[in-house]
């Protein structure tokens, strides 16, 4: 056998070996399960400690990501770039980061006490995780997938709203009556915006003001970025905030104990579910005044918009109340079930279909907004608590 032939044979063997190694490496790489991040509904399941993924078109489960025992995930969200899915584990005091394509759990990060609501900066760089019982916000760098800071000084922080340019974030404090303004460049609490004057001590209703505080759930940003709207539960008002000066320019009185404000997708209206008197207040955002106050149901957890209507979830009654946004009048109610607990919902990007978490039946209720009909997709996980669709305008949590 010639030396040339031996070299050729050795080269062929090396190439074959390299091919085998390459194949082995490829075989170990996680398979891509989701090619289009907008094509799935994410479902956070509290009791089965997982995030589930359902295909929007087929309503079939694509996969589930188990987070670990005793995690109790609260809210799920996908980063604006579609790369990651995150949730906070309320019992575990940790944040969980999932690869949105492969559905692999890639990082678990300790945060603070009882993480719940969360938000991403518009450029997907920062993940702010609210820790209501820790009165703090954990700042997670999505490039290094590490927590770089904990911002203290809040009072039961719930929802975080970033400005479109990512320069500032506004934090609703449910245990207080002010909005926290955060400098995103330094990740520091810059200012507290008091939403309204507190009543004098002689006017205090002890049952209302000296027990558990119902403050501010969220400072919701108008779609043109011009105004922030914050409902205060105890004070029964919606504060209108100018983010250029971080000042309240007007307060709008609504019903008793408003949970938070939800904005219609056309930017015309804001709706507060008022759980203290079982009404909703529909606010004309251009005129910045209440346009209608309508009867609703008990224990309202959310409002979704689709097909020119508002769908108000009455969690303990099993009903979804429907309102026509052209006439500002009731448009019927949908009985989802008896002796069931409804949670929150997301709306698809076409504004035609709602995906409502039904924790009692371990189901997602798929609502056709135009026809006001629905079907139930069962066995999505144990105690589904909320849903999320990338790019939906109705992504929220309790």
Protein backbone atom coordinates (compact mmCIF):
# COMPACT_ATOMS: atom_id res chain seq x y z
CA UNK A 1 0.00 0.00 0.00
CA UNK A 2 1.52 3.34 -1.03
CA UNK A 3 2.08 6.23 1.35
CA UNK A 4 -0.27 8.37 -0.76
CA UNK A 5 -3.04 5.78 -0.52
CA UNK A 6 -2.54 5.51 3.27
CA UNK A 7 -2.86 9.30 3.61
CA UNK A 8 -6.01 9.30 1.52
CA UNK A 9 -7.47 6.48 3.61
CA UNK A 10 -6.54 8.23 6.83
CA UNK A 11 -8.13 11.43 5.55
CA UNK A 12 -11.31 9.58 4.64
CA UNK A 13 -11.42 7.95 8.08
CA UNK A 14 -10.94 11.33 9.77
CA UNK A 15 -13.72 12.84 7.68
CA UNK A 16 -15.99 9.96 8.56
CA UNK A 17 -15.15 10.33 12.23
CA UNK A 18 -15.79 14.08 12.06
CA UNK A 19 -19.15 13.42 10.42
CA UNK A 20 -20.04 11.02 13.23
CA UNK A 21 -19.09 13.59 15.86
CA UNK A 22 -21.05 16.29 14.07
CA UNK A 23 -24.08 14.01 13.87
CA UNK A 24 -23.78 13.22 17.56
CA UNK A 25 -23.62 16.93 18.44
CA UNK A 26 -26.60 17.68 16.23
CA UNK A 27 -28.52 14.86 17.85
CA UNK A 28 -27.92 16.39 21.26
CA UNK A 29 -29.14 19.86 20.24
CA UNK A 30 -32.69 20.58 21.42
CA UNK A 31 -35.25 20.34 18.67
CA UNK A 32 -37.01 23.52 17.59
CA UNK A 33 -40.67 23.24 18.59
CA UNK A 34 -41.83 26.78 17.81
CA UNK A 35 -40.69 28.51 14.62
CA UNK A 36 -43.12 31.44 14.88
CA UNK A 37 -43.33 32.95 18.38
CA UNK A 38 -46.63 34.65 17.55
CA UNK A 39 -48.29 31.31 16.76
CA UNK A 40 -48.78 30.08 20.32
CA UNK A 41 -50.82 30.88 23.40
CA UNK A 42 -48.74 30.64 26.57
CA UNK A 43 -50.57 29.31 29.61
CA UNK A 44 -49.21 29.63 33.14
CA UNK A 45 -50.35 26.68 35.30
CA UNK A 46 -49.96 27.35 39.00
CA UNK A 47 -50.61 23.93 40.52
CA UNK A 48 -48.69 21.88 37.95
CA UNK A 49 -45.80 24.36 38.15
CA UNK A 50 -45.41 24.75 34.41
CA UNK A 51 -45.82 26.93 31.38
CA UNK A 52 -47.82 25.31 28.58
CA UNK A 53 -47.88 26.25 24.88
CA UNK A 54 -50.94 25.86 22.64
CA UNK A 55 -51.02 26.38 18.87
CA UNK A 56 -53.37 29.26 18.00
CA UNK A 57 -54.74 27.68 14.81
CA UNK A 58 -55.07 24.02 15.77
CA UNK A 59 -55.72 24.51 19.51
CA UNK A 60 -53.36 21.60 20.10
CA UNK A 61 -50.73 21.57 22.83
CA UNK A 62 -47.23 22.14 21.46
CA UNK A 63 -45.40 21.44 24.71
CA UNK A 64 -45.09 22.11 28.42
CA UNK A 65 -42.12 23.30 30.46
CA UNK A 66 -41.98 21.97 34.03
CA UNK A 67 -40.33 24.51 36.33
CA UNK A 68 -39.87 22.42 39.47
CA UNK A 69 -41.79 21.58 42.62
CA UNK A 70 -43.52 24.27 44.68
CA UNK A 71 -42.85 27.04 42.16
CA UNK A 72 -46.40 28.45 41.80
CA UNK A 73 -45.76 30.57 38.67
CA UNK A 74 -47.88 33.71 38.53
CA UNK A 75 -47.54 35.48 35.17
CA UNK A 76 -46.00 34.53 31.84
CA UNK A 77 -44.62 36.84 29.17
CA UNK A 78 -42.58 36.56 25.97
CA UNK A 79 -39.81 39.02 25.25
CA UNK A 80 -40.59 41.51 22.44
CA UNK A 81 -37.94 39.90 20.23
CA UNK A 82 -39.59 36.48 20.63
CA UNK A 83 -36.45 34.87 22.04
CA UNK A 84 -37.41 34.08 25.64
CA UNK A 85 -40.44 33.30 27.79
CA UNK A 86 -40.27 34.23 31.46
CA UNK A 87 -42.27 33.76 34.64
CA UNK A 88 -41.85 34.45 38.33
CA UNK A 89 -42.29 31.62 40.83
CA UNK A 90 -44.24 33.06 43.75
CA UNK A 91 -43.39 30.28 46.18
CA UNK A 92 -39.85 29.72 44.98
CA UNK A 93 -38.78 33.39 44.96
CA UNK A 94 -37.13 32.82 41.59
CA UNK A 95 -37.40 33.91 37.96
CA UNK A 96 -37.51 31.27 35.21
CA UNK A 97 -36.24 31.84 31.67
CA UNK A 98 -37.34 29.54 28.83
CA UNK A 99 -35.99 29.38 25.27
CA UNK A 100 -39.05 30.28 23.17
CA UNK A 101 -37.98 28.11 20.21
CA UNK A 102 -36.92 24.89 21.91
CA UNK A 103 -39.05 25.19 25.08
CA UNK A 104 -36.01 24.42 27.20
CA UNK A 105 -35.64 25.93 30.67
CA UNK A 106 -32.31 27.74 30.30
CA UNK A 107 -31.93 29.71 33.54
CA UNK A 108 -33.33 29.96 37.07
CA UNK A 109 -32.51 33.19 38.90
CA UNK A 110 -33.18 33.99 42.58
CA UNK A 111 -35.02 37.30 42.92
CA UNK A 112 -36.92 38.56 46.00
CA UNK A 113 -40.02 37.59 47.99
CA UNK A 114 -43.14 36.35 46.13
CA UNK A 115 -42.45 37.49 42.53
CA UNK A 116 -45.63 38.07 40.52
CA UNK A 117 -46.07 40.65 37.74
CA UNK A 118 -43.32 41.47 35.27
CA UNK A 119 -42.43 43.39 32.14
CA UNK A 120 -39.80 43.73 29.40
CA UNK A 121 -38.16 46.88 28.15
CA UNK A 122 -39.13 47.57 24.51
CA UNK A 123 -35.70 46.49 23.25
CA UNK A 124 -35.89 43.16 25.17
CA UNK A 125 -32.73 44.03 27.12
CA UNK A 126 -34.24 44.30 30.61
CA UNK A 127 -36.69 42.04 32.41
CA UNK A 128 -38.20 43.76 35.45
CA UNK A 129 -39.65 41.28 37.94
CA UNK A 130 -41.94 42.72 40.58
CA UNK A 131 -41.71 41.24 44.09
CA UNK A 132 -44.80 42.48 45.99
CA UNK A 133 -43.91 40.99 49.35
CA UNK A 134 -40.31 42.15 49.02
CA UNK A 135 -41.42 45.68 48.02
CA UNK A 136 -38.83 45.58 45.27
CA UNK A 137 -38.14 45.16 41.56
CA UNK A 138 -35.50 42.68 40.40
CA UNK A 139 -33.58 43.79 37.29
CA UNK A 140 -32.52 40.94 35.01
CA UNK A 141 -30.11 41.50 32.11
CA UNK A 142 -31.42 39.40 29.20
CA UNK A 143 -28.01 39.40 27.48
CA UNK A 144 -26.14 37.75 30.34
CA UNK A 145 -29.29 36.17 31.88
CA UNK A 146 -28.30 37.41 35.32
CA UNK A 147 -29.88 39.61 37.97
CA UNK A 148 -27.81 42.76 38.11
CA UNK A 149 -29.75 44.75 40.70
CA UNK A 150 -32.68 44.85 43.10
CA UNK A 151 -34.49 48.20 43.25
CA UNK A 152 -35.96 48.77 46.75
CA UNK A 153 -38.42 51.34 48.08
CA UNK A 154 -41.76 50.24 46.62
CA UNK A 155 -44.99 49.27 48.39
CA UNK A 156 -46.40 46.00 47.00
CA UNK A 157 -45.31 46.72 43.42
CA UNK A 158 -47.49 45.10 40.76
CA UNK A 159 -47.34 46.13 37.11
CA UNK A 160 -44.43 47.84 35.37
CA UNK A 161 -44.91 50.05 32.30
CA UNK A 162 -41.95 51.13 30.17
CA UNK A 163 -42.00 54.21 27.98
CA UNK A 164 -41.65 53.41 24.24
CA UNK A 165 -38.06 54.72 24.21
CA UNK A 166 -37.19 52.58 27.24
CA UNK A 167 -35.85 55.54 29.26
CA UNK A 168 -38.25 55.28 32.19
CA UNK A 169 -40.52 52.73 33.79
CA UNK A 170 -43.62 53.36 35.89
CA UNK A 171 -44.53 51.02 38.73
CA UNK A 172 -47.98 50.65 40.25
CA UNK A 173 -47.88 50.25 44.04
CA UNK A 174 -50.95 48.41 45.27
CA UNK A 175 -49.91 48.98 48.87
CA UNK A 176 -49.74 52.75 48.44
CA UNK A 177 -51.27 55.64 46.51
CA UNK A 178 -48.32 56.63 44.37
CA UNK A 179 -46.62 55.62 41.12
CA UNK A 180 -42.92 54.88 41.19
CA UNK A 181 -40.79 56.41 38.42
CA UNK A 182 -37.67 54.38 37.58
CA UNK A 183 -34.66 55.60 35.62
CA UNK A 184 -33.96 52.57 33.42
CA UNK A 185 -30.42 53.67 32.62
CA UNK A 186 -29.40 53.47 36.28
CA UNK A 187 -32.23 51.20 37.48
CA UNK A 188 -33.09 53.56 40.32
CA UNK A 189 -36.35 54.82 41.82
CA UNK A 190 -36.31 58.50 40.94
CA UNK A 191 -39.66 59.82 42.06
CA UNK A 192 -43.02 59.01 43.64
CA UNK A 193 -46.08 60.50 41.93
CA UNK A 194 -48.95 60.89 44.41
CA UNK A 195 -52.08 60.27 42.35
CA UNK A 196 -54.54 62.28 44.45
CA UNK A 197 -54.96 64.01 47.77
CA UNK A 198 -55.63 61.68 50.66
CA UNK A 199 -58.73 62.47 52.76
CA UNK A 200 -58.18 64.21 56.09
CA UNK A 201 -57.96 62.13 59.24
CA UNK A 202 -61.41 63.27 60.34
CA UNK A 203 -62.91 61.90 57.14
CA UNK A 204 -61.25 58.51 57.27
CA UNK A 205 -63.43 55.44 57.01
CA UNK A 206 -61.46 52.93 59.13
CA UNK A 207 -62.77 49.95 57.17
CA UNK A 208 -61.68 51.58 53.94
CA UNK A 209 -58.41 53.30 54.78
CA UNK A 210 -56.94 51.66 57.85
CA UNK A 211 -57.21 48.04 56.77
CA UNK A 212 -55.59 46.53 53.69
CA UNK A 213 -54.74 49.22 51.18
CA UNK A 214 -56.14 48.97 47.66
CA UNK A 215 -53.84 51.30 45.80
CA UNK A 216 -52.53 51.34 42.25
CA UNK A 217 -52.32 48.21 40.12
CA UNK A 218 -50.83 49.78 37.00
CA UNK A 219 -49.99 53.05 35.28
CA UNK A 220 -51.24 52.20 31.80
CA UNK A 221 -49.70 54.05 28.86
CA UNK A 222 -51.88 55.40 26.06
CA UNK A 223 -51.02 53.90 22.68
CA UNK A 224 -49.67 57.21 21.42
CA UNK A 225 -47.39 57.41 24.48
CA UNK A 226 -48.84 60.76 25.54
CA UNK A 227 -50.56 59.89 28.84
CA UNK A 228 -50.47 57.45 31.70
CA UNK A 229 -53.67 56.38 33.44
CA UNK A 230 -53.66 55.00 36.96
CA UNK A 231 -56.73 53.83 38.89
CA UNK A 232 -56.57 53.99 42.69
CA UNK A 233 -58.81 51.46 44.45
CA UNK A 234 -59.31 53.24 47.77
CA UNK A 235 -59.64 56.72 46.32
CA UNK A 236 -61.99 55.69 43.49
CA UNK A 237 -60.26 57.82 40.88
CA UNK A 238 -58.20 57.51 37.72
CA UNK A 239 -55.21 59.84 37.68
CA UNK A 240 -54.04 61.22 34.33
CA UNK A 241 -50.24 61.59 34.34
CA UNK A 242 -48.08 63.55 31.90
CA UNK A 243 -44.91 61.41 31.53
CA UNK A 244 -42.95 64.37 30.17
CA UNK A 245 -43.15 66.11 33.54
CA UNK A 246 -44.19 63.14 35.70
CA UNK A 247 -47.11 65.10 37.12
CA UNK A 248 -50.81 64.39 37.60
CA UNK A 249 -52.75 66.77 35.37
CA UNK A 250 -56.25 65.52 36.14
CA UNK A 251 -58.20 63.03 38.25
CA UNK A 252 -61.36 61.32 37.01
CA UNK A 253 -63.81 59.92 39.57
CA UNK A 254 -65.01 56.41 38.73
CA UNK A 255 -66.83 53.69 40.69
CA UNK A 256 -66.00 52.14 44.04
CA UNK A 257 -62.75 50.18 44.36
CA UNK A 258 -61.58 50.17 40.71
CA UNK A 259 -59.22 47.24 40.14
CA UNK A 260 -57.21 48.88 37.35
CA UNK A 261 -57.74 50.51 33.94
CA UNK A 262 -57.76 48.71 30.58
CA UNK A 263 -57.41 50.62 27.29
CA UNK A 264 -59.37 49.85 24.12
CA UNK A 265 -57.19 49.05 21.14
CA UNK A 266 -58.35 52.07 19.14
CA UNK A 267 -57.24 54.37 21.95
CA UNK A 268 -60.72 55.85 22.47
CA UNK A 269 -61.75 54.38 25.79
CA UNK A 270 -60.46 53.20 29.13
CA UNK A 271 -62.50 50.85 31.31
CA UNK A 272 -62.22 50.34 35.05
CA UNK A 273 -63.91 47.30 36.63
CA UNK A 274 -65.22 48.64 39.94
CA UNK A 275 -65.42 45.68 42.28
CA UNK A 276 -66.74 47.77 45.16
CA UNK A 277 -70.08 48.41 43.45
CA UNK A 278 -70.06 45.83 40.61
CA UNK A 279 -70.01 48.41 37.84
CA UNK A 280 -67.67 49.42 35.06
CA UNK A 281 -66.71 52.99 34.24
CA UNK A 282 -66.07 53.72 30.56
CA UNK A 283 -63.79 56.72 30.21
CA UNK A 284 -63.62 58.86 27.06
CA UNK A 285 -59.84 59.22 26.80
CA UNK A 286 -59.97 62.22 24.46
CA UNK A 287 -62.30 64.18 26.72
CA UNK A 288 -60.77 62.57 29.84
CA UNK A 289 -64.16 62.06 31.45
CA UNK A 290 -66.53 59.20 32.26
CA UNK A 291 -68.78 58.51 29.27
CA UNK A 292 -70.84 55.71 30.84
CA UNK A 293 -71.24 53.75 34.06
CA UNK A 294 -72.78 50.31 33.52
CA UNK A 295 -73.75 47.38 35.68
CA UNK A 296 -71.39 44.42 35.71
CA UNK A 297 -70.61 41.43 37.93
CA UNK A 298 -68.70 40.49 41.09
CA UNK A 299 -64.96 39.89 41.42
CA UNK A 300 -63.90 41.24 38.04
CA UNK A 301 -60.35 40.22 37.10
CA UNK A 302 -59.91 41.64 33.62
CA UNK A 303 -61.19 43.37 30.48
CA UNK A 304 -60.39 42.28 26.92
CA UNK A 305 -61.21 44.06 23.68
CA UNK A 306 -62.15 42.41 20.39
CA UNK A 307 -64.56 42.88 17.46
CA UNK A 308 -65.60 46.34 18.67
CA UNK A 309 -66.62 45.06 22.08
CA UNK A 310 -65.33 44.91 25.64
CA UNK A 311 -65.39 41.55 27.45
CA UNK A 312 -65.35 41.85 31.25
CA UNK A 313 -64.44 38.74 33.25
CA UNK A 314 -66.45 38.14 36.42
CA UNK A 315 -64.28 35.50 38.00
CA UNK A 316 -66.52 34.04 40.71
CA UNK A 317 -69.84 34.18 38.82
CA UNK A 318 -68.71 32.19 35.76
CA UNK A 319 -69.93 34.97 33.44
CA UNK A 320 -68.22 37.21 30.92
CA UNK A 321 -70.09 40.51 30.48
CA UNK A 322 -70.05 42.04 26.99
CA UNK A 323 -70.36 45.72 26.05
CA UNK A 324 -70.71 47.40 22.65
CA UNK A 325 -68.10 50.13 22.29
CA UNK A 326 -70.06 51.94 19.59
CA UNK A 327 -73.18 52.45 21.68
CA UNK A 328 -71.52 52.11 25.11
CA UNK A 329 -74.33 49.80 26.12
CA UNK A 330 -74.46 46.18 27.37
CA UNK A 331 -74.36 43.55 24.62
CA UNK A 332 -75.29 40.50 26.69
CA UNK A 333 -73.36 38.15 28.92
CA UNK A 334 -71.80 34.78 28.31
CA UNK A 335 -72.27 32.00 30.81
CA UNK A 336 -69.01 30.06 30.72
CA UNK A 337 -70.04 27.63 33.46
CA UNK A 338 -71.53 27.05 36.89
CA UNK A 339 -69.47 26.87 40.08
CA UNK A 340 -66.27 27.65 38.21
CA UNK A 341 -63.53 30.20 38.70
CA UNK A 342 -62.44 32.32 35.73
CA UNK A 343 -59.06 34.02 35.78
CA UNK A 344 -57.64 36.33 33.06
CA UNK A 345 -57.46 36.27 29.25
CA UNK A 346 -55.48 37.43 26.26
CA UNK A 347 -56.78 38.51 22.85
CA UNK A 348 -55.24 37.42 19.56
CA UNK A 349 -53.51 40.00 17.38
CA UNK A 350 -56.42 39.97 14.92
CA UNK A 351 -58.71 41.21 17.73
CA UNK A 352 -61.18 38.40 17.06
CA UNK A 353 -60.51 35.62 19.60
CA UNK A 354 -60.06 35.53 23.37
CA UNK A 355 -58.21 32.85 25.33
CA UNK A 356 -59.54 32.78 28.90
CA UNK A 357 -58.04 30.72 31.72
CA UNK A 358 -60.60 28.54 33.54
CA UNK A 359 -58.77 27.30 36.64
CA UNK A 360 -61.58 25.09 37.96
CA UNK A 361 -61.86 22.98 34.82
CA UNK A 362 -58.13 23.06 33.92
CA UNK A 363 -59.17 24.56 30.61
CA UNK A 364 -58.71 27.50 28.27
CA UNK A 365 -61.97 28.99 27.01
CA UNK A 366 -61.63 30.09 23.38
CA UNK A 367 -64.15 32.87 22.74
CA UNK A 368 -65.27 33.99 19.27
CA UNK A 369 -65.74 37.71 19.90
CA UNK A 370 -67.92 38.46 16.90
CA UNK A 371 -70.46 35.69 17.47
CA UNK A 372 -70.07 35.56 21.28
CA UNK A 373 -69.69 31.79 21.23
CA UNK A 374 -66.98 29.69 22.86
CA UNK A 375 -65.37 26.28 23.15
CA UNK A 376 -63.21 24.81 25.91
CA UNK A 377 -59.78 23.27 25.41
CA UNK A 378 -59.31 20.98 28.41
CA UNK A 379 -56.32 19.41 30.12
CA UNK A 380 -54.03 22.36 29.48
CA UNK A 381 -52.47 21.96 32.94
CA UNK A 382 -53.47 22.20 36.56
CA UNK A 383 -55.00 25.50 37.67
CA UNK A 384 -54.36 27.69 34.62
CA UNK A 385 -53.93 31.19 35.99
CA UNK A 386 -53.39 33.31 32.90
CA UNK A 387 -52.56 33.40 29.19
CA UNK A 388 -50.30 35.42 26.90
CA UNK A 389 -49.83 35.90 23.15
CA UNK A 390 -46.85 37.78 21.77
CA UNK A 391 -47.78 41.23 20.39
CA UNK A 392 -51.29 41.10 21.89
CA UNK A 393 -52.48 44.37 23.44
CA UNK A 394 -54.35 42.41 26.12
CA UNK A 395 -51.53 40.81 28.06
CA UNK A 396 -52.11 41.26 31.76
CA UNK A 397 -52.51 39.35 35.00
CA UNK A 398 -54.46 39.52 38.26
